[in-house]
Amino acid sequence: MKLNFKMTRKKFGILLLIVIIVPIIYNKTASLITGLITAQFMKMPKEVVAGYPQYKNDYVSAQATGRVEAIYSIDVMARVPGFLIKKYFKEGDFVKKGQTLFQIDPREYQIEVRDSQASVNQYRALLLNAQQELNRANSLIKEDLISHSQVDSSLASRNENQALLDAARQKLALAKVNLSYTTIKSPVDGRIGKINITEGNYVALSSGSLVNVSSVNPVYVTFSLRQSDFIKLLKSSNRLKDVKVKVQFDGGQWYKKYGTINFVDNQIDKNSGSIQLRATFDNPQGWLVPGNYMKVSLLSPKKFKYMTVPQACTKGDAMSGYYVWVIGKNNAVKRKDIKVSDEIDNNWIVESGLSSKDRIVVSGVQNISTEGQKVKPITQAEYKKKEAAKENKD
């Protein structure tokens, strides 16, 4: 009995040892095998979608928000003081240049004109008499009947009266101008606004604006463009003169007439990165109302050829620059820095750094960790086919 008991304990110990050690050995072996498989898998070229930069030849367009502005917006003011006795328009009317708007009491200015005219008549008569005296003096001096001092005195009298007549004429001219200012006329064709000072009030230059008149045909539409859009339009037009400018109302309707760019600012705003432009629109029916905000659309007169790459295949940022992976010999990738200018439909417009023959990694850039790494390129069609197969399998 004792011998059998000892043998049983030994067998039990061996069995226990096997139970503990075998799993450990298994796990170690499994981990080693898995690591070898993973390492081998990592060495295998990663699958990426390859393609080429795309060239597009299309019209360049840009959008912005613009504001309608009157070419002339003039505050009508009283240029001479007086009582405002009458107005000749209705608020909101269209008025013509030179049309009478207000009348200031003209009576004291009419009196000033008549008084100035009387002074002119007086000094004209005095001048005529002085000229006759000078003529007689010049005749008598030839016969030595008078002295030279008398001739000089006659000449001085003639010149003095000439100066007095000139001054009187200037005063008369000023009086007539002031009288004309009592009739206040529209300085431009346009729509008249709300009256600020009504009839019966005493007005002067210090009274400020009586009413505003704003021109309505043509009008300006002022807007700002991003620097990139501005450069694209420059490349596809002749100094922006031929760019077609359209505006859209809030309801979605487009204004039928095209505008012409007539002003480009001389610098780009450092805060917004945009530049201000202005277009002129014919507005015979007054549909474009100054102060209104509208959508502005611009279209280049000719097509613009440019290269694009998908944004998803680039790395980097606007500060440090962008780059793509180019597939070279033996399917090894190489980094190429590129310069981009703008984004169109999730693609970068490439200004420099690539050629049409460069085969780039279009999709799968996350599988590339270092330059010189080998990849397994497939086409976009092959990629789509594989993805479709996976969906059908699922």
Protein backbone atom coordinates (compact mmCIF):
# COMPACT_ATOMS: atom_id res chain seq x y z
CA MET A 1 0.00 0.00 0.00
CA LYS A 2 2.75 2.52 0.80
CA LEU A 3 4.59 1.96 -2.52
CA ASN A 4 1.46 2.54 -4.54
CA PHE A 5 0.75 5.76 -2.63
CA LYS A 6 4.21 7.20 -3.41
CA MET A 7 3.93 6.34 -7.07
CA THR A 8 0.57 8.05 -7.25
CA ARG A 9 1.96 11.27 -5.79
CA LYS A 10 4.82 11.25 -8.30
CA LYS A 11 2.50 10.77 -11.19
CA PHE A 12 0.32 13.54 -9.88
CA GLY A 13 3.30 15.91 -9.65
CA ILE A 14 4.36 15.14 -13.19
CA LEU A 15 0.82 15.65 -14.37
CA LEU A 16 0.58 18.97 -12.57
CA LEU A 17 3.89 20.10 -14.04
CA ILE A 18 2.68 19.23 -17.52
CA VAL A 19 -0.54 21.17 -16.97
CA ILE A 20 1.41 24.30 -15.96
CA ILE A 21 4.29 24.20 -18.45
CA VAL A 22 2.52 23.14 -21.63
CA PRO A 23 0.27 26.25 -21.88
CA ILE A 24 3.26 28.49 -21.25
CA ILE A 25 5.25 26.82 -23.99
CA TYR A 26 2.21 26.99 -26.26
CA ASN A 27 1.69 30.69 -25.66
CA LYS A 28 5.36 31.48 -26.19
CA THR A 29 5.42 29.47 -29.38
CA ALA A 30 2.17 31.02 -30.60
CA SER A 31 3.44 34.52 -29.89
CA LEU A 32 6.68 33.80 -31.68
CA ILE A 33 4.89 32.42 -34.70
CA THR A 34 2.43 35.32 -34.71
CA GLY A 35 5.28 37.81 -34.46
CA LEU A 36 7.10 36.17 -37.34
CA ILE A 37 3.95 36.20 -39.43
CA THR A 38 3.24 39.85 -38.53
CA ALA A 39 6.81 40.88 -39.28
CA GLN A 40 6.64 39.10 -42.59
CA PHE A 41 3.30 40.76 -43.30
CA MET A 42 4.71 44.17 -42.43
CA LYS A 43 7.53 43.63 -44.89
CA MET A 44 5.04 42.98 -47.64
CA PRO A 45 4.30 46.01 -49.85
CA LYS A 46 1.15 47.88 -48.77
CA GLU A 47 -1.62 48.21 -51.28
CA VAL A 48 -2.30 51.75 -52.49
CA VAL A 49 -4.39 53.27 -55.24
CA ALA A 50 -2.19 54.90 -57.86
CA GLY A 51 -3.07 57.57 -60.38
CA TYR A 52 -1.82 60.66 -62.20
CA PRO A 53 -2.43 64.40 -61.76
CA GLN A 54 -5.44 65.50 -63.76
CA TYR A 55 -5.52 68.43 -66.16
CA LYS A 56 -8.71 70.42 -66.53
CA ASN A 57 -9.54 73.08 -69.08
CA ASP A 58 -12.59 74.97 -67.92
CA TYR A 59 -14.06 78.39 -67.34
CA VAL A 60 -13.13 79.95 -64.03
CA SER A 61 -15.97 81.05 -61.81
CA ALA A 62 -16.17 82.71 -58.42
CA GLN A 63 -18.91 83.79 -56.04
CA ALA A 64 -19.14 86.61 -53.55
CA THR A 65 -21.61 88.77 -51.68
CA GLY A 66 -21.99 92.30 -53.00
CA ARG A 67 -23.72 95.51 -52.04
CA VAL A 68 -25.51 97.85 -54.43
CA GLU A 69 -24.26 101.43 -54.26
CA ALA A 70 -25.36 104.61 -55.95
CA ILE A 71 -22.72 106.18 -58.16
CA TYR A 72 -23.85 109.58 -56.84
CA SER A 73 -25.46 110.05 -53.45
CA ILE A 74 -25.76 113.76 -52.78
CA ASP A 75 -27.11 115.63 -49.79
CA VAL A 76 -28.94 118.71 -51.08
CA MET A 77 -28.14 121.71 -48.88
CA ALA A 78 -29.06 125.39 -48.70
CA ARG A 79 -26.15 127.47 -50.00
CA VAL A 80 -27.68 130.79 -48.88
CA PRO A 81 -29.72 131.50 -45.74
CA GLY A 82 -33.44 132.19 -45.87
CA PHE A 83 -36.91 130.84 -45.28
CA LEU A 84 -37.86 127.70 -47.18
CA ILE A 85 -41.13 128.73 -48.82
CA LYS A 86 -41.91 125.85 -51.22
CA LYS A 87 -40.97 122.36 -52.41
CA TYR A 88 -41.65 120.96 -55.90
CA PHE A 89 -41.51 117.17 -55.52
CA LYS A 90 -42.90 114.19 -53.68
CA GLU A 91 -40.68 112.08 -51.47
CA GLY A 92 -39.46 108.99 -53.35
CA ASP A 93 -39.94 110.59 -56.79
CA PHE A 94 -37.49 110.22 -59.64
CA VAL A 95 -36.05 113.64 -60.43
CA LYS A 96 -33.97 114.97 -63.29
CA LYS A 97 -30.73 116.91 -63.09
CA GLY A 98 -31.56 120.63 -62.90
CA GLN A 99 -35.13 120.04 -61.72
CA THR A 100 -36.27 122.56 -59.08
CA LEU A 101 -36.63 120.99 -55.65
CA PHE A 102 -37.00 123.92 -53.19
CA GLN A 103 -37.49 127.66 -53.24
CA ILE A 104 -35.93 129.93 -50.62
CA ASP A 105 -37.54 133.38 -50.24
CA PRO A 106 -35.66 135.36 -52.93
CA ARG A 107 -36.82 138.92 -52.19
CA GLU A 108 -33.82 140.21 -50.24
CA TYR A 109 -31.50 138.66 -52.86
CA GLN A 110 -33.46 140.32 -55.67
CA ILE A 111 -33.04 143.66 -53.91
CA GLU A 112 -29.30 143.02 -53.59
CA VAL A 113 -29.10 142.33 -57.32
CA ARG A 114 -30.92 145.56 -58.17
CA ASP A 115 -28.74 147.52 -55.75
CA SER A 116 -25.59 146.04 -57.26
CA GLN A 117 -26.86 146.78 -60.75
CA ALA A 118 -27.40 150.41 -59.76
CA SER A 119 -23.82 150.63 -58.51
CA VAL A 120 -22.59 149.22 -61.80
CA ASN A 121 -24.59 151.84 -63.72
CA GLN A 122 -23.24 154.60 -61.50
CA TYR A 123 -19.59 153.62 -61.90
CA ARG A 124 -20.04 153.05 -65.60
CA ALA A 125 -21.22 156.64 -65.97
CA LEU A 126 -18.36 157.95 -63.84
CA LEU A 127 -15.89 155.93 -65.88
CA LEU A 128 -17.32 157.31 -69.12
CA ASN A 129 -16.92 160.87 -67.83
CA ALA A 130 -13.38 160.21 -66.60
CA GLN A 131 -12.44 158.71 -69.97
CA GLN A 132 -13.76 161.81 -71.76
CA GLU A 133 -11.78 164.07 -69.41
CA LEU A 134 -8.65 162.04 -70.11
CA ASN A 135 -9.22 162.29 -73.87
CA ARG A 136 -9.54 166.11 -73.65
CA ALA A 137 -6.44 166.30 -71.48
CA ASN A 138 -4.45 164.33 -74.02
CA SER A 139 -5.58 166.73 -76.78
CA LEU A 140 -4.72 169.86 -74.79
CA ILE A 141 -1.30 168.62 -73.72
CA LYS A 142 -0.30 168.42 -77.37
CA GLU A 143 -0.83 172.19 -77.64
CA ASP A 144 0.81 172.87 -74.28
CA LEU A 145 -2.44 174.28 -72.92
CA ILE A 146 -2.35 172.20 -69.73
CA SER A 147 0.36 170.74 -67.59
CA HIS A 148 1.44 167.12 -67.46
CA SER A 149 0.22 166.89 -63.88
CA GLN A 150 -3.32 167.58 -65.05
CA VAL A 151 -3.05 164.76 -67.57
CA ASP A 152 -1.77 162.45 -64.86
CA SER A 153 -4.68 163.43 -62.61
CA SER A 154 -7.19 162.66 -65.38
CA LEU A 155 -5.53 159.28 -66.01
CA ALA A 156 -5.65 158.41 -62.29
CA SER A 157 -9.32 159.40 -62.12
CA ARG A 158 -10.10 157.21 -65.14
CA ASN A 159 -8.25 154.22 -63.63
CA GLU A 160 -9.94 154.69 -60.25
CA ASN A 161 -13.39 154.68 -61.81
CA GLN A 162 -12.45 151.65 -63.88
CA ALA A 163 -11.50 149.80 -60.68
CA LEU A 164 -14.73 150.87 -58.96
CA LEU A 165 -16.75 149.63 -61.95
CA ASP A 166 -14.92 146.28 -61.90
CA ALA A 167 -15.65 145.89 -58.18
CA ALA A 168 -19.32 146.78 -58.73
CA ARG A 169 -19.57 144.22 -61.51
CA GLN A 170 -18.06 141.54 -59.22
CA LYS A 171 -20.56 142.44 -56.52
CA LEU A 172 -23.39 142.21 -59.05
CA ALA A 173 -22.17 138.81 -60.22
CA LEU A 174 -22.06 137.56 -56.62
CA ALA A 175 -25.53 138.92 -55.96
CA LYS A 176 -26.86 137.09 -59.02
CA VAL A 177 -25.18 133.85 -57.88
CA ASN A 178 -26.74 134.17 -54.42
CA LEU A 179 -30.12 134.85 -56.01
CA SER A 180 -29.73 131.71 -58.14
CA TYR A 181 -29.02 129.70 -54.99
CA THR A 182 -32.47 130.54 -53.66
CA THR A 183 -33.80 128.11 -56.27
CA ILE A 184 -32.44 124.73 -55.16
CA LYS A 185 -32.15 122.23 -58.02
CA SER A 186 -31.34 118.53 -58.26
CA PRO A 187 -27.62 117.98 -58.94
CA VAL A 188 -28.18 114.58 -60.63
CA ASP A 189 -30.79 112.30 -62.13
CA GLY A 190 -32.01 109.94 -59.43
CA ARG A 191 -34.49 109.07 -56.76
CA ILE A 192 -35.15 111.62 -54.05
CA GLY A 193 -35.42 110.57 -50.44
CA LYS A 194 -37.23 111.74 -47.34
CA ILE A 195 -37.33 115.46 -46.53
CA ASN A 196 -35.29 116.40 -43.49
CA ILE A 197 -36.40 120.05 -43.20
CA THR A 198 -39.91 121.07 -44.19
CA GLU A 199 -41.29 124.28 -45.70
CA GLY A 200 -41.51 127.29 -43.43
CA ASN A 201 -38.21 126.67 -41.69
CA TYR A 202 -35.27 129.05 -41.80
CA VAL A 203 -32.37 127.25 -43.42
CA ALA A 204 -28.68 127.89 -43.98
CA LEU A 205 -25.58 125.92 -44.89
CA SER A 206 -25.26 124.93 -41.23
CA SER A 207 -28.74 123.37 -41.33
CA GLY A 208 -27.32 120.31 -43.05
CA SER A 209 -29.06 118.12 -45.59
CA LEU A 210 -32.51 119.13 -46.77
CA VAL A 211 -32.97 115.89 -48.71
CA ASN A 212 -30.82 113.25 -50.40
CA VAL A 213 -30.78 112.43 -54.09
CA SER A 214 -29.20 109.15 -55.19
CA SER A 215 -28.54 108.19 -58.78
CA VAL A 216 -30.12 104.90 -59.87
CA ASN A 217 -28.87 104.32 -63.41
CA PRO A 218 -26.23 103.07 -63.64
CA VAL A 219 -25.31 101.69 -60.20
CA TYR A 220 -22.27 100.07 -58.61
CA VAL A 221 -22.10 96.63 -57.00
CA THR A 222 -19.11 96.38 -54.66
CA PHE A 223 -17.82 92.98 -53.50
CA SER A 224 -14.69 91.22 -52.23
CA LEU A 225 -12.95 88.20 -53.74
CA ARG A 226 -10.60 85.72 -52.14
CA GLN A 227 -7.02 86.13 -53.28
CA SER A 228 -7.04 82.70 -54.98
CA ASP A 229 -10.22 83.46 -56.96
CA PHE A 230 -8.83 86.83 -57.95
CA ILE A 231 -5.60 85.28 -59.29
CA LYS A 232 -7.52 82.62 -61.25
CA LEU A 233 -9.68 85.25 -62.89
CA LEU A 234 -6.63 87.31 -63.76
CA LYS A 235 -5.06 84.33 -65.50
CA SER A 236 -8.15 83.72 -67.60
CA SER A 237 -9.07 87.27 -68.61
CA ASN A 238 -7.69 90.54 -69.86
CA ARG A 239 -7.22 92.52 -66.64
CA LEU A 240 -10.72 91.44 -65.53
CA LYS A 241 -12.37 93.75 -68.08
CA ASP A 242 -13.99 90.85 -69.91
CA VAL A 243 -15.18 88.94 -66.85
CA LYS A 244 -18.95 88.44 -66.87
CA VAL A 245 -20.52 89.67 -63.64
CA LYS A 246 -24.05 88.69 -62.65
CA VAL A 247 -26.08 89.41 -59.54
CA GLN A 248 -28.88 87.40 -57.96
CA PHE A 249 -31.82 88.62 -55.91
CA ASP A 250 -32.80 87.06 -52.58
CA GLY A 251 -35.57 85.07 -54.21
CA GLY A 252 -33.09 83.35 -56.52
CA GLN A 253 -33.88 85.32 -59.67
CA TRP A 254 -30.89 86.54 -61.66
CA TYR A 255 -30.69 90.11 -62.91
CA LYS A 256 -30.74 89.93 -66.70
CA LYS A 257 -28.00 92.44 -67.44
CA TYR A 258 -24.29 91.73 -67.04
CA GLY A 259 -22.02 94.10 -65.15
CA THR A 260 -18.55 95.33 -66.05
CA ILE A 261 -15.72 95.51 -63.54
CA ASN A 262 -14.55 99.11 -63.36
CA PHE A 263 -12.48 99.13 -60.18
CA VAL A 264 -9.95 96.83 -58.52
CA ASP A 265 -8.39 97.84 -55.22
CA ASN A 266 -4.61 98.26 -55.12
CA GLN A 267 -3.99 95.85 -52.24
CA ILE A 268 -5.27 92.69 -50.58
CA ASP A 269 -6.76 93.09 -47.13
CA LYS A 270 -4.29 91.58 -44.65
CA ASN A 271 -7.04 90.49 -42.26
CA SER A 272 -9.45 88.78 -44.65
CA GLY A 273 -7.07 87.82 -47.47
CA SER A 274 -9.49 89.28 -50.01
CA ILE A 275 -9.48 92.16 -52.46
CA GLN A 276 -12.29 94.60 -53.17
CA LEU A 277 -13.73 95.03 -56.67
CA ARG A 278 -16.60 97.00 -58.14
CA ALA A 279 -18.81 96.43 -61.16
CA THR A 280 -21.11 98.84 -63.00
CA PHE A 281 -24.64 97.75 -63.95
CA ASP A 282 -27.18 99.47 -66.17
CA ASN A 283 -30.33 99.89 -64.09
CA PRO A 284 -32.98 101.59 -66.25
CA GLN A 285 -35.92 100.17 -64.29
CA GLY A 286 -34.41 100.75 -60.86
CA TRP A 287 -34.51 97.09 -59.79
CA LEU A 288 -31.05 97.33 -58.23
CA VAL A 289 -31.67 99.41 -55.13
CA PRO A 290 -28.70 101.06 -53.38
CA GLY A 291 -27.98 99.42 -50.05
CA ASN A 292 -29.29 96.00 -51.10
CA TYR A 293 -27.07 92.93 -50.62
CA MET A 294 -26.93 90.47 -53.52
CA LYS A 295 -25.13 87.30 -54.56
CA VAL A 296 -22.43 88.03 -57.13
CA SER A 297 -21.27 85.45 -59.68
CA LEU A 298 -18.25 85.92 -61.94
CA LEU A 299 -17.34 83.88 -65.00
CA SER A 300 -14.12 84.15 -66.98
CA PRO A 301 -14.38 84.94 -70.72
CA LYS A 302 -12.04 82.11 -71.68
CA LYS A 303 -11.05 78.70 -70.37
CA PHE A 304 -8.24 78.20 -67.91
CA LYS A 305 -6.01 75.09 -67.93
CA TYR A 306 -4.87 73.81 -64.55
CA MET A 307 -3.60 70.66 -62.81
CA THR A 308 -5.38 69.05 -59.86
CA VAL A 309 -4.73 66.32 -57.31
CA PRO A 310 -7.16 64.99 -54.67
CA GLN A 311 -6.84 66.75 -51.34
CA ALA A 312 -6.94 63.36 -49.60
CA CYS A 313 -3.64 62.29 -51.19
CA THR A 314 -1.68 65.28 -49.87
CA LYS A 315 0.00 65.80 -46.52
CA GLY A 316 1.22 68.91 -44.78
CA ASP A 317 -0.54 72.24 -44.30
CA ALA A 318 -0.70 75.76 -45.65
CA MET A 319 2.09 76.94 -43.35
CA SER A 320 4.70 74.24 -43.94
CA GLY A 321 3.57 73.31 -47.45
CA TYR A 322 1.98 70.24 -49.00
CA TYR A 323 3.53 67.12 -50.50
CA VAL A 324 2.47 63.90 -52.23
CA TRP A 325 3.99 60.42 -52.54
CA VAL A 326 5.25 59.61 -56.02
CA ILE A 327 5.72 55.96 -57.01
CA GLY A 328 9.10 55.41 -58.63
CA LYS A 329 11.26 52.47 -59.67
CA ASN A 330 10.52 49.12 -58.02
CA ASN A 331 7.34 50.72 -56.66
CA ALA A 332 9.30 52.67 -54.02
CA VAL A 333 7.68 55.93 -52.96
CA LYS A 334 9.36 59.31 -52.95
CA ARG A 335 8.14 62.55 -51.43
CA LYS A 336 7.49 65.51 -53.74
CA ASP A 337 6.70 68.97 -52.39
CA ILE A 338 4.00 70.82 -54.28
CA LYS A 339 2.65 74.34 -54.33
CA VAL A 340 -1.15 74.66 -54.35
CA SER A 341 -3.27 77.74 -54.97
CA ASP A 342 -6.90 76.83 -54.42
CA GLU A 343 -9.46 74.09 -53.86
CA ILE A 344 -12.01 72.93 -56.43
CA ASP A 345 -14.38 70.01 -55.73
CA ASN A 346 -12.13 68.52 -53.00
CA ASN A 347 -9.09 68.82 -55.27
CA TRP A 348 -6.06 71.09 -54.95
CA ILE A 349 -5.01 73.21 -57.90
CA VAL A 350 -1.28 72.49 -58.26
CA GLU A 351 0.83 75.45 -59.27
CA SER A 352 4.20 73.65 -59.29
CA GLY A 353 6.07 70.56 -58.12
CA LEU A 354 4.41 67.88 -60.28
CA SER A 355 4.29 66.83 -63.91
CA SER A 356 1.62 64.91 -65.73
CA LYS A 357 3.92 61.84 -65.84
CA ASP A 358 4.28 61.57 -62.06
CA ARG A 359 2.46 58.50 -60.76
CA ILE A 360 1.15 59.46 -57.34
CA VAL A 361 -0.50 57.67 -54.44
CA VAL A 362 -4.11 58.77 -54.75
CA SER A 363 -5.49 56.70 -51.87
CA GLY A 364 -3.85 54.80 -49.04
CA VAL A 365 -1.30 57.41 -47.96
CA GLN A 366 -1.87 56.26 -44.37
CA ASN A 367 -0.05 53.04 -45.26
CA ILE A 368 3.16 54.93 -46.06
CA SER A 369 5.48 55.73 -43.19
CA THR A 370 8.80 56.58 -44.78
CA GLU A 371 10.41 57.55 -48.06
CA GLY A 372 11.72 54.58 -50.02
CA GLN A 373 9.00 52.25 -48.75
CA LYS A 374 7.72 49.85 -51.37
CA VAL A 375 4.02 49.70 -52.18
CA LYS A 376 1.69 47.59 -54.24
CA PRO A 377 -0.10 49.98 -56.61
CA ILE A 378 -3.55 49.20 -57.96
CA THR A 379 -5.83 51.22 -60.16
CA GLN A 380 -8.97 53.00 -59.05
CA ALA A 381 -11.03 50.48 -61.02
CA GLU A 382 -9.37 47.57 -59.21
CA TYR A 383 -9.99 49.23 -55.86
CA LYS A 384 -13.68 49.74 -56.61
CA LYS A 385 -13.98 46.14 -57.75
CA LYS A 386 -12.51 44.89 -54.47
CA GLU A 387 -14.76 47.12 -52.42
CA ALA A 388 -17.80 45.90 -54.33
CA ALA A 389 -16.75 42.29 -53.70
CA LYS A 390 -16.46 42.99 -49.96
CA GLU A 391 -19.94 44.50 -49.86
CA ASN A 392 -21.42 41.51 -51.66
CA LYS A 393 -19.65 39.15 -49.26
CA ASP A 394 -21.00 41.01 -46.25
